[in-house]
Amino acid sequence: MANLRSLVKRRKAIRNIRKITKTMELIATARFKKALDRAMEADAYTKKIAELASDLTKSAGEVSHPLLQVRAEVKKTLVLVLTANRGLCGGYNGGVLRASMTKIRELRAANAAFDLEVSGKRGMQFYKFQQIPTTAFYTHFEEKPQFDEVDKVAQKFIDLYTSGQVDQVIVVYQKFYGVAKQAPVVETLLPLSSVSVETTSKKSDAASAAPKADYDFFPDAAGILGELVPVAFKVRLFKCFLDAAVGEQIARRVAMKAATENAGDLIKEVSRLYNRTRQANITKEISELIAGSEALK
């Protein structure tokens, strides 16, 4: 039988751990709500500006933008991986890193050159262990990424693409489809030649039935596209960071809830073992007293 003192200490330790996991669950829930609100607010703007950029591109005729041009040969790819700075969030980091490794293996198999940039300490540690060199890493994007911070990264990508140093920009992150569904995805953000808007079939049918908008460009189409297309890319990249923040908080909330429930079940098991051990000790002591009294007769 287990020692009663050790069982008491073990139960106390599990209760303390349950308090911590419960607190972390509540914190993750609060952060998730804020991150979800920001992602939902940005979602409508992202879709609208993508729709506007797509319509203007089609109406501009032969006028185009460097970010919309598809390179005939992709000589170099830039891969950006969005992970978390902390763990304790279930399979969030693992899913994103597995998706990124699949893409990296594909690039290596095709003998394609690529640069790897990582956001999040977990990703940095993983690629360091895998001995995969990274050209840049970011650790300042927490659960509330700011557009000004993402704008600097996006502008660097734009400069690299327009100067011809990279021919493709790929982002690996956990896409937010809804509260019940998030999944790691590999998205190509540059070139922006296929600026698409995610809509349901009903909305698509309604959009196809609606008359096509006719645009007048002032001062000229090139100037307007020169301002709008980079903003569309920056907003899409910002939306990736927002989705990643929401996915991290959802994963952490689910993981901490599961840990709290498991701690509760473990406390019940230890309590039952404690009661059985205590009852066995009492029965043993009573038996010894009866045996002793019988021996004195």
C-alpha atoms as a PDB file:
ATOM      1  CA  MET A   1       0.000   0.000   0.000  1.00  0.00           C
ATOM      2  CA  ALA A   2       1.108   3.562  -0.690  1.00  0.00           C
ATOM      3  CA  ASN A   3       2.214   5.815   2.119  1.00  0.00           C
ATOM      4  CA  LEU A   4      -0.535   8.153   3.351  1.00  0.00           C
ATOM      5  CA  ARG A   5       1.824  11.112   3.691  1.00  0.00           C
ATOM      6  CA  SER A   6       3.055  10.770   0.087  1.00  0.00           C
ATOM      7  CA  LEU A   7      -0.545  10.530  -1.173  1.00  0.00           C
ATOM      8  CA  VAL A   8      -1.487  13.720   0.672  1.00  0.00           C
ATOM      9  CA  LYS A   9       1.504  15.549  -0.837  1.00  0.00           C
ATOM     10  CA  ARG A  10       0.693  14.219  -4.299  1.00  0.00           C
ATOM     11  CA  ARG A  11      -2.940  15.296  -4.096  1.00  0.00           C
ATOM     12  CA  LYS A  12      -1.912  18.756  -2.908  1.00  0.00           C
ATOM     13  CA  ALA A  13       0.553  19.105  -5.804  1.00  0.00           C
ATOM     14  CA  ILE A  14      -2.093  18.078  -8.350  1.00  0.00           C
ATOM     15  CA  ARG A  15      -4.559  20.585  -6.894  1.00  0.00           C
ATOM     16  CA  ASN A  16      -1.980  23.354  -7.245  1.00  0.00           C
ATOM     17  CA  ILE A  17      -1.345  22.353 -10.857  1.00  0.00           C
ATOM     18  CA  ARG A  18      -5.089  22.360 -11.527  1.00  0.00           C
ATOM     19  CA  LYS A  19      -5.327  25.919 -10.202  1.00  0.00           C
ATOM     20  CA  ILE A  20      -2.559  26.984 -12.587  1.00  0.00           C
ATOM     21  CA  THR A  21      -4.061  25.280 -15.643  1.00  0.00           C
ATOM     22  CA  LYS A  22      -7.507  26.683 -14.827  1.00  0.00           C
ATOM     23  CA  THR A  23      -6.064  30.172 -14.577  1.00  0.00           C
ATOM     24  CA  MET A  24      -4.243  29.733 -17.880  1.00  0.00           C
ATOM     25  CA  GLU A  25      -7.474  28.515 -19.462  1.00  0.00           C
ATOM     26  CA  LEU A  26      -9.313  31.649 -18.313  1.00  0.00           C
ATOM     27  CA  ILE A  27      -6.506  33.896 -19.561  1.00  0.00           C
ATOM     28  CA  ALA A  28      -6.465  32.133 -22.938  1.00  0.00           C
ATOM     29  CA  THR A  29     -10.252  32.517 -23.175  1.00  0.00           C
ATOM     30  CA  ALA A  30     -10.028  36.266 -22.585  1.00  0.00           C
ATOM     31  CA  ARG A  31      -7.187  36.663 -25.067  1.00  0.00           C
ATOM     32  CA  PHE A  32      -8.996  34.521 -27.618  1.00  0.00           C
ATOM     33  CA  LYS A  33     -12.055  36.766 -27.475  1.00  0.00           C
ATOM     34  CA  LYS A  34      -9.960  39.864 -28.125  1.00  0.00           C
ATOM     35  CA  ALA A  35      -7.962  38.187 -30.900  1.00  0.00           C
ATOM     36  CA  LEU A  36     -11.170  36.882 -32.495  1.00  0.00           C
ATOM     37  CA  ASP A  37     -12.721  40.352 -32.519  1.00  0.00           C
ATOM     38  CA  ARG A  38      -9.642  41.810 -34.233  1.00  0.00           C
ATOM     39  CA  ALA A  39      -9.544  39.002 -36.794  1.00  0.00           C
ATOM     40  CA  MET A  40     -13.252  39.353 -37.611  1.00  0.00           C
ATOM     41  CA  GLU A  41     -12.932  43.116 -37.969  1.00  0.00           C
ATOM     42  CA  ALA A  42      -9.974  42.737 -40.319  1.00  0.00           C
ATOM     43  CA  ASP A  43     -11.662  39.948 -42.291  1.00  0.00           C
ATOM     44  CA  ALA A  44     -14.285  42.191 -43.880  1.00  0.00           C
ATOM     45  CA  TYR A  45     -11.675  44.823 -44.782  1.00  0.00           C
ATOM     46  CA  THR A  46      -9.316  42.195 -46.221  1.00  0.00           C
ATOM     47  CA  LYS A  47     -12.031  40.709 -48.438  1.00  0.00           C
ATOM     48  CA  LYS A  48     -13.238  44.108 -49.609  1.00  0.00           C
ATOM     49  CA  ILE A  49      -9.825  45.441 -50.533  1.00  0.00           C
ATOM     50  CA  ALA A  50      -9.009  42.141 -52.298  1.00  0.00           C
ATOM     51  CA  GLU A  51     -12.261  42.427 -54.247  1.00  0.00           C
ATOM     52  CA  LEU A  52     -11.523  46.037 -55.132  1.00  0.00           C
ATOM     53  CA  ALA A  53      -7.969  45.236 -56.219  1.00  0.00           C
ATOM     54  CA  SER A  54      -9.244  42.368 -58.370  1.00  0.00           C
ATOM     55  CA  ASP A  55     -11.904  44.529 -60.053  1.00  0.00           C
ATOM     56  CA  LEU A  56      -9.513  47.406 -60.695  1.00  0.00           C
ATOM     57  CA  THR A  57      -6.897  45.049 -62.106  1.00  0.00           C
ATOM     58  CA  LYS A  58      -9.421  43.649 -64.584  1.00  0.00           C
ATOM     59  CA  SER A  59     -10.657  47.127 -65.523  1.00  0.00           C
ATOM     60  CA  ALA A  60      -7.197  48.630 -65.931  1.00  0.00           C
ATOM     61  CA  GLY A  61      -6.624  46.886 -69.242  1.00  0.00           C
ATOM     62  CA  GLU A  62      -2.950  46.429 -70.080  1.00  0.00           C
ATOM     63  CA  VAL A  63      -1.789  48.341 -66.996  1.00  0.00           C
ATOM     64  CA  SER A  64      -0.320  46.036 -64.372  1.00  0.00           C
ATOM     65  CA  HIS A  65       1.758  46.108 -61.196  1.00  0.00           C
ATOM     66  CA  PRO A  66       5.042  44.308 -60.378  1.00  0.00           C
ATOM     67  CA  LEU A  67       3.421  42.458 -57.471  1.00  0.00           C
ATOM     68  CA  LEU A  68       0.855  40.980 -59.857  1.00  0.00           C
ATOM     69  CA  GLN A  69       3.360  39.625 -62.364  1.00  0.00           C
ATOM     70  CA  VAL A  70       4.068  35.893 -62.246  1.00  0.00           C
ATOM     71  CA  ARG A  71       7.708  35.036 -62.883  1.00  0.00           C
ATOM     72  CA  ALA A  72       8.323  32.584 -65.715  1.00  0.00           C
ATOM     73  CA  GLU A  73      10.903  30.812 -63.559  1.00  0.00           C
ATOM     74  CA  VAL A  74      10.923  30.740 -59.772  1.00  0.00           C
ATOM     75  CA  LYS A  75      14.611  30.906 -58.920  1.00  0.00           C
ATOM     76  CA  LYS A  76      14.247  31.734 -55.241  1.00  0.00           C
ATOM     77  CA  THR A  77      11.407  31.399 -52.747  1.00  0.00           C
ATOM     78  CA  LEU A  78      10.976  33.158 -49.415  1.00  0.00           C
ATOM     79  CA  VAL A  79       9.175  31.064 -46.797  1.00  0.00           C
ATOM     80  CA  LEU A  80       7.735  32.737 -43.696  1.00  0.00           C
ATOM     81  CA  VAL A  81       6.604  30.430 -40.859  1.00  0.00           C
ATOM     82  CA  LEU A  82       4.346  31.780 -38.090  1.00  0.00           C
ATOM     83  CA  THR A  83       4.668  29.967 -34.741  1.00  0.00           C
ATOM     84  CA  ALA A  84       4.166  30.893 -31.094  1.00  0.00           C
ATOM     85  CA  ASN A  85       6.646  32.272 -28.585  1.00  0.00           C
ATOM     86  CA  ARG A  86       5.377  29.881 -25.894  1.00  0.00           C
ATOM     87  CA  GLY A  87       4.260  26.292 -25.658  1.00  0.00           C
ATOM     88  CA  LEU A  88       1.400  24.696 -23.713  1.00  0.00           C
ATOM     89  CA  CYS A  89      -0.894  25.124 -26.716  1.00  0.00           C
ATOM     90  CA  GLY A  90      -1.463  21.539 -27.787  1.00  0.00           C
ATOM     91  CA  GLY A  91      -0.514  20.673 -31.349  1.00  0.00           C
ATOM     92  CA  TYR A  92      -0.562  24.261 -32.633  1.00  0.00           C
ATOM     93  CA  ASN A  93       3.181  24.643 -33.179  1.00  0.00           C
ATOM     94  CA  GLY A  94       3.629  21.025 -34.257  1.00  0.00           C
ATOM     95  CA  GLY A  95       1.004  21.278 -37.005  1.00  0.00           C
ATOM     96  CA  VAL A  96       2.497  24.468 -38.477  1.00  0.00           C
ATOM     97  CA  LEU A  97       6.050  23.124 -38.319  1.00  0.00           C
ATOM     98  CA  ARG A  98       5.069  19.841 -39.993  1.00  0.00           C
ATOM     99  CA  ALA A  99       3.407  21.771 -42.823  1.00  0.00           C
ATOM    100  CA  SER A 100       6.511  23.922 -43.225  1.00  0.00           C
ATOM    101  CA  MET A 101       8.826  20.897 -43.276  1.00  0.00           C
ATOM    102  CA  THR A 102       6.697  19.332 -46.015  1.00  0.00           C
ATOM    103  CA  LYS A 103       7.126  22.478 -48.120  1.00  0.00           C
ATOM    104  CA  ILE A 104      10.856  22.671 -47.376  1.00  0.00           C
ATOM    105  CA  ARG A 105      11.320  19.042 -48.454  1.00  0.00           C
ATOM    106  CA  GLU A 106       9.475  19.805 -51.698  1.00  0.00           C
ATOM    107  CA  LEU A 107      11.765  22.760 -52.393  1.00  0.00           C
ATOM    108  CA  ARG A 108      14.854  20.720 -51.606  1.00  0.00           C
ATOM    109  CA  ALA A 109      13.662  17.854 -53.802  1.00  0.00           C
ATOM    110  CA  ALA A 110      13.261  20.316 -56.684  1.00  0.00           C
ATOM    111  CA  ASN A 111      16.714  21.843 -55.957  1.00  0.00           C
ATOM    112  CA  ALA A 112      15.005  25.218 -55.522  1.00  0.00           C
ATOM    113  CA  ALA A 113      16.753  27.939 -53.545  1.00  0.00           C
ATOM    114  CA  PHE A 114      14.823  29.407 -50.626  1.00  0.00           C
ATOM    115  CA  ASP A 115      15.199  31.719 -47.647  1.00  0.00           C
ATOM    116  CA  LEU A 116      13.487  30.833 -44.386  1.00  0.00           C
ATOM    117  CA  GLU A 117      12.121  33.451 -41.990  1.00  0.00           C
ATOM    118  CA  VAL A 118      10.472  32.482 -38.705  1.00  0.00           C
ATOM    119  CA  SER A 119       8.143  34.264 -36.327  1.00  0.00           C
ATOM    120  CA  GLY A 120       8.044  32.814 -32.817  1.00  0.00           C
ATOM    121  CA  LYS A 121      10.614  31.292 -30.457  1.00  0.00           C
ATOM    122  CA  ARG A 122       9.223  27.769 -30.874  1.00  0.00           C
ATOM    123  CA  GLY A 123       9.921  27.835 -34.588  1.00  0.00           C
ATOM    124  CA  MET A 124      13.407  29.258 -34.026  1.00  0.00           C
ATOM    125  CA  GLN A 125      14.267  26.455 -31.603  1.00  0.00           C
ATOM    126  CA  PHE A 126      12.866  23.809 -33.946  1.00  0.00           C
ATOM    127  CA  TYR A 127      14.830  24.896 -37.021  1.00  0.00           C
ATOM    128  CA  LYS A 128      17.968  25.323 -34.939  1.00  0.00           C
ATOM    129  CA  PHE A 129      17.599  21.726 -33.776  1.00  0.00           C
ATOM    130  CA  GLN A 130      16.952  20.602 -37.360  1.00  0.00           C
ATOM    131  CA  GLN A 131      20.055  22.566 -38.451  1.00  0.00           C
ATOM    132  CA  ILE A 132      18.053  24.504 -41.039  1.00  0.00           C
ATOM    133  CA  PRO A 133      19.461  28.044 -41.417  1.00  0.00           C
ATOM    134  CA  THR A 134      17.097  31.013 -41.103  1.00  0.00           C
ATOM    135  CA  THR A 135      17.677  34.425 -42.631  1.00  0.00           C
ATOM    136  CA  ALA A 136      15.483  36.348 -40.168  1.00  0.00           C
ATOM    137  CA  PHE A 137      13.353  35.733 -37.110  1.00  0.00           C
ATOM    138  CA  TYR A 138      10.764  37.744 -35.203  1.00  0.00           C
ATOM    139  CA  THR A 139       9.760  37.392 -31.554  1.00  0.00           C
ATOM    140  CA  HIS A 140       7.748  40.571 -30.966  1.00  0.00           C
ATOM    141  CA  PHE A 141       4.472  39.334 -32.478  1.00  0.00           C
ATOM    142  CA  GLU A 142       2.360  38.214 -29.512  1.00  0.00           C
ATOM    143  CA  GLU A 143      -1.404  37.689 -29.266  1.00  0.00           C
ATOM    144  CA  LYS A 144      -1.985  41.279 -30.475  1.00  0.00           C
ATOM    145  CA  PRO A 145       0.074  41.840 -33.647  1.00  0.00           C
ATOM    146  CA  GLN A 146       0.033  45.471 -34.743  1.00  0.00           C
ATOM    147  CA  PHE A 147      -0.335  46.545 -38.356  1.00  0.00           C
ATOM    148  CA  ASP A 148       2.630  48.929 -38.088  1.00  0.00           C
ATOM    149  CA  GLU A 149       4.874  46.020 -37.094  1.00  0.00           C
ATOM    150  CA  VAL A 150       3.595  43.770 -39.875  1.00  0.00           C
ATOM    151  CA  ASP A 151       3.877  46.667 -42.349  1.00  0.00           C
ATOM    152  CA  LYS A 152       7.675  46.728 -41.925  1.00  0.00           C
ATOM    153  CA  VAL A 153       7.942  43.004 -42.693  1.00  0.00           C
ATOM    154  CA  ALA A 154       5.550  43.306 -45.645  1.00  0.00           C
ATOM    155  CA  GLN A 155       7.465  46.256 -47.096  1.00  0.00           C
ATOM    156  CA  LYS A 156      10.685  44.231 -46.922  1.00  0.00           C
ATOM    157  CA  PHE A 157       8.998  41.400 -48.839  1.00  0.00           C
ATOM    158  CA  ILE A 158       7.720  43.882 -51.436  1.00  0.00           C
ATOM    159  CA  ASP A 159      11.201  45.316 -51.932  1.00  0.00           C
ATOM    160  CA  LEU A 160      12.725  41.833 -52.277  1.00  0.00           C
ATOM    161  CA  TYR A 161      10.088  40.799 -54.816  1.00  0.00           C
ATOM    162  CA  THR A 162      10.133  43.954 -56.953  1.00  0.00           C
ATOM    163  CA  SER A 163      13.949  43.966 -57.040  1.00  0.00           C
ATOM    164  CA  GLY A 164      13.983  40.357 -58.247  1.00  0.00           C
ATOM    165  CA  GLN A 165      15.823  38.934 -55.228  1.00  0.00           C
ATOM    166  CA  VAL A 166      12.921  36.530 -54.613  1.00  0.00           C
ATOM    167  CA  ASP A 167      10.351  35.242 -57.077  1.00  0.00           C
ATOM    168  CA  GLN A 168       7.787  33.897 -54.631  1.00  0.00           C
ATOM    169  CA  VAL A 169       6.671  34.595 -51.067  1.00  0.00           C
ATOM    170  CA  ILE A 170       5.009  31.762 -49.133  1.00  0.00           C
ATOM    171  CA  VAL A 171       3.492  31.962 -45.648  1.00  0.00           C
ATOM    172  CA  VAL A 172       2.927  28.892 -43.460  1.00  0.00           C
ATOM    173  CA  TYR A 173       0.489  29.496 -40.605  1.00  0.00           C
ATOM    174  CA  GLN A 174      -2.658  28.201 -38.939  1.00  0.00           C
ATOM    175  CA  LYS A 175      -5.628  29.555 -40.855  1.00  0.00           C
ATOM    176  CA  PHE A 176      -8.763  30.472 -38.934  1.00  0.00           C
ATOM    177  CA  TYR A 177     -11.925  29.138 -40.580  1.00  0.00           C
ATOM    178  CA  GLY A 178     -14.133  29.306 -37.478  1.00  0.00           C
ATOM    179  CA  VAL A 179     -14.161  28.657 -33.759  1.00  0.00           C
ATOM    180  CA  ALA A 180     -14.469  24.916 -34.394  1.00  0.00           C
ATOM    181  CA  LYS A 181     -11.989  24.687 -37.277  1.00  0.00           C
ATOM    182  CA  GLN A 182      -8.410  25.847 -37.739  1.00  0.00           C
ATOM    183  CA  ALA A 183      -5.817  24.153 -39.915  1.00  0.00           C
ATOM    184  CA  PRO A 184      -2.183  24.714 -40.928  1.00  0.00           C
ATOM    185  CA  VAL A 185      -1.959  26.014 -44.499  1.00  0.00           C
ATOM    186  CA  VAL A 186       0.744  26.972 -46.983  1.00  0.00           C
ATOM    187  CA  GLU A 187      -0.309  30.091 -48.903  1.00  0.00           C
ATOM    188  CA  THR A 188       1.430  31.929 -51.710  1.00  0.00           C
ATOM    189  CA  LEU A 189       1.045  35.668 -51.102  1.00  0.00           C
ATOM    190  CA  LEU A 190       3.335  36.900 -53.856  1.00  0.00           C
ATOM    191  CA  PRO A 191       2.706  37.193 -56.714  1.00  0.00           C
ATOM    192  CA  LEU A 192      -0.729  38.694 -56.129  1.00  0.00           C
ATOM    193  CA  SER A 193      -1.902  37.768 -59.622  1.00  0.00           C
ATOM    194  CA  SER A 194      -4.758  35.652 -58.258  1.00  0.00           C
ATOM    195  CA  VAL A 195      -6.263  38.084 -55.785  1.00  0.00           C
ATOM    196  CA  SER A 196      -9.355  36.178 -54.706  1.00  0.00           C
ATOM    197  CA  VAL A 197     -12.204  36.789 -52.345  1.00  0.00           C
ATOM    198  CA  GLU A 198     -13.528  33.968 -50.170  1.00  0.00           C
ATOM    199  CA  THR A 199     -17.287  33.876 -50.569  1.00  0.00           C
ATOM    200  CA  THR A 200     -20.048  31.351 -50.253  1.00  0.00           C
ATOM    201  CA  SER A 201     -21.749  29.905 -53.302  1.00  0.00           C
ATOM    202  CA  LYS A 202     -24.826  32.085 -52.775  1.00  0.00           C
ATOM    203  CA  LYS A 203     -22.716  35.226 -52.643  1.00  0.00           C
ATOM    204  CA  SER A 204     -20.767  34.118 -55.703  1.00  0.00           C
ATOM    205  CA  ASP A 205     -23.978  33.529 -57.640  1.00  0.00           C
ATOM    206  CA  ALA A 206     -25.300  36.919 -56.586  1.00  0.00           C
ATOM    207  CA  ALA A 207     -22.032  38.581 -57.554  1.00  0.00           C
ATOM    208  CA  SER A 208     -22.032  36.943 -60.972  1.00  0.00           C
ATOM    209  CA  ALA A 209     -25.623  38.025 -61.555  1.00  0.00           C
ATOM    210  CA  ALA A 210     -24.919  41.627 -60.520  1.00  0.00           C
ATOM    211  CA  PRO A 211     -23.828  44.093 -63.215  1.00  0.00           C
ATOM    212  CA  LYS A 212     -20.079  44.615 -63.489  1.00  0.00           C
ATOM    213  CA  ALA A 213     -18.849  47.898 -62.037  1.00  0.00           C
ATOM    214  CA  ASP A 214     -17.324  50.394 -64.434  1.00  0.00           C
ATOM    215  CA  TYR A 215     -14.350  52.344 -63.042  1.00  0.00           C
ATOM    216  CA  ASP A 216     -12.939  55.675 -64.131  1.00  0.00           C
ATOM    217  CA  PHE A 217      -9.265  56.084 -63.162  1.00  0.00           C
ATOM    218  CA  PHE A 218      -7.978  59.455 -62.026  1.00  0.00           C
ATOM    219  CA  PRO A 219      -5.266  60.503 -62.436  1.00  0.00           C
ATOM    220  CA  ASP A 220      -4.383  57.153 -64.069  1.00  0.00           C
ATOM    221  CA  ALA A 221      -4.743  53.403 -63.548  1.00  0.00           C
ATOM    222  CA  ALA A 222      -1.031  52.851 -62.945  1.00  0.00           C
ATOM    223  CA  GLY A 223      -0.949  55.351 -60.091  1.00  0.00           C
ATOM    224  CA  ILE A 224      -4.026  53.887 -58.399  1.00  0.00           C
ATOM    225  CA  LEU A 225      -2.801  50.300 -58.706  1.00  0.00           C
ATOM    226  CA  GLY A 226       0.595  51.424 -57.442  1.00  0.00           C
ATOM    227  CA  GLU A 227      -1.053  52.525 -54.211  1.00  0.00           C
ATOM    228  CA  LEU A 228      -3.722  49.842 -53.857  1.00  0.00           C
ATOM    229  CA  VAL A 229      -1.881  46.602 -54.692  1.00  0.00           C
ATOM    230  CA  PRO A 230       0.850  46.964 -52.009  1.00  0.00           C
ATOM    231  CA  VAL A 231      -1.838  47.753 -49.436  1.00  0.00           C
ATOM    232  CA  ALA A 232      -3.759  44.629 -50.487  1.00  0.00           C
ATOM    233  CA  PHE A 233      -0.639  42.517 -49.913  1.00  0.00           C
ATOM    234  CA  LYS A 234       0.093  44.123 -46.543  1.00  0.00           C
ATOM    235  CA  VAL A 235      -3.464  43.551 -45.384  1.00  0.00           C
ATOM    236  CA  ARG A 236      -3.355  39.890 -46.447  1.00  0.00           C
ATOM    237  CA  LEU A 237      -0.110  39.353 -44.541  1.00  0.00           C
ATOM    238  CA  PHE A 238      -1.578  41.124 -41.502  1.00  0.00           C
ATOM    239  CA  LYS A 239      -4.600  38.822 -41.680  1.00  0.00           C
ATOM    240  CA  CYS A 240      -2.238  35.821 -41.581  1.00  0.00           C
ATOM    241  CA  PHE A 241      -0.734  37.109 -38.332  1.00  0.00           C
ATOM    242  CA  LEU A 242      -4.205  37.714 -36.881  1.00  0.00           C
ATOM    243  CA  ASP A 243      -5.349  34.204 -37.801  1.00  0.00           C
ATOM    244  CA  ALA A 244      -2.209  32.760 -36.233  1.00  0.00           C
ATOM    245  CA  ALA A 245      -2.878  34.679 -33.000  1.00  0.00           C
ATOM    246  CA  VAL A 246      -6.469  33.417 -32.828  1.00  0.00           C
ATOM    247  CA  GLY A 247      -5.401  29.834 -33.538  1.00  0.00           C
ATOM    248  CA  GLU A 248      -2.766  29.944 -30.811  1.00  0.00           C
ATOM    249  CA  GLN A 249      -5.226  31.135 -28.166  1.00  0.00           C
ATOM    250  CA  ILE A 250      -7.842  28.558 -29.179  1.00  0.00           C
ATOM    251  CA  ALA A 251      -5.252  25.775 -28.997  1.00  0.00           C
ATOM    252  CA  ARG A 252      -4.007  26.984 -25.613  1.00  0.00           C
ATOM    253  CA  ARG A 253      -7.530  27.238 -24.231  1.00  0.00           C
ATOM    254  CA  VAL A 254      -8.385  23.699 -25.373  1.00  0.00           C
ATOM    255  CA  ALA A 255      -5.090  22.311 -24.041  1.00  0.00           C
ATOM    256  CA  MET A 256      -5.471  23.964 -20.640  1.00  0.00           C
ATOM    257  CA  LYS A 257      -9.107  22.867 -20.360  1.00  0.00           C
ATOM    258  CA  ALA A 258      -8.072  19.274 -21.060  1.00  0.00           C
ATOM    259  CA  ALA A 259      -5.243  19.557 -18.525  1.00  0.00           C
ATOM    260  CA  THR A 260      -7.637  20.906 -15.879  1.00  0.00           C
ATOM    261  CA  GLU A 261     -10.097  18.077 -16.471  1.00  0.00           C
ATOM    262  CA  ASN A 262      -7.319  15.480 -16.343  1.00  0.00           C
ATOM    263  CA  ALA A 263      -6.054  16.968 -13.079  1.00  0.00           C
ATOM    264  CA  GLY A 264      -9.564  16.684 -11.617  1.00  0.00           C
ATOM    265  CA  ASP A 265      -9.772  13.021 -12.626  1.00  0.00           C
ATOM    266  CA  LEU A 266      -6.329  12.353 -11.169  1.00  0.00           C
ATOM    267  CA  ILE A 267      -7.319  14.003  -7.882  1.00  0.00           C
ATOM    268  CA  LYS A 268     -10.307  11.656  -7.644  1.00  0.00           C
ATOM    269  CA  GLU A 269      -8.083   8.621  -8.264  1.00  0.00           C
ATOM    270  CA  VAL A 270      -5.539   9.701  -5.648  1.00  0.00           C
ATOM    271  CA  SER A 271      -8.345  10.425  -3.164  1.00  0.00           C
ATOM    272  CA  ARG A 272      -9.808   6.954  -3.675  1.00  0.00           C
ATOM    273  CA  LEU A 273      -6.371   5.386  -3.214  1.00  0.00           C
ATOM    274  CA  TYR A 274      -5.873   7.481  -0.071  1.00  0.00           C
ATOM    275  CA  ASN A 275      -9.215   6.354   1.364  1.00  0.00           C
ATOM    276  CA  ARG A 276      -8.518   2.695   0.603  1.00  0.00           C
ATOM    277  CA  THR A 277      -5.058   2.905   2.143  1.00  0.00           C
ATOM    278  CA  ARG A 278      -6.379   4.675   5.236  1.00  0.00           C
ATOM    279  CA  GLN A 279      -9.177   2.113   5.640  1.00  0.00           C
ATOM    280  CA  ALA A 280      -6.697  -0.738   5.261  1.00  0.00           C
ATOM    281  CA  ASN A 281      -4.458   0.773   7.950  1.00  0.00           C
ATOM    282  CA  ILE A 282      -7.415   1.201  10.319  1.00  0.00           C
ATOM    283  CA  THR A 283      -8.527  -2.386   9.713  1.00  0.00           C
ATOM    284  CA  LYS A 284      -4.979  -3.594  10.333  1.00  0.00           C
ATOM    285  CA  GLU A 285      -4.745  -1.678  13.615  1.00  0.00           C
ATOM    286  CA  ILE A 286      -8.098  -3.034  14.804  1.00  0.00           C
ATOM    287  CA  SER A 287      -7.001  -6.568  13.950  1.00  0.00           C
ATOM    288  CA  GLU A 288      -3.794  -6.094  15.916  1.00  0.00           C
ATOM    289  CA  LEU A 289      -5.728  -4.784  18.934  1.00  0.00           C
ATOM    290  CA  ILE A 290      -8.111  -7.741  18.852  1.00  0.00           C
ATOM    291  CA  ALA A 291      -5.206 -10.150  18.509  1.00  0.00           C
ATOM    292  CA  GLY A 292      -3.416  -8.508  21.421  1.00  0.00           C
ATOM    293  CA  SER A 293      -6.486  -8.658  23.661  1.00  0.00           C
ATOM    294  CA  GLU A 294      -7.009 -12.329  22.839  1.00  0.00           C
ATOM    295  CA  ALA A 295      -3.400 -13.074  23.724  1.00  0.00           C
ATOM    296  CA  LEU A 296      -3.851 -11.533  27.193  1.00  0.00           C
ATOM    297  CA  LYS A 297      -6.767 -13.815  28.082  1.00  0.00           C
END
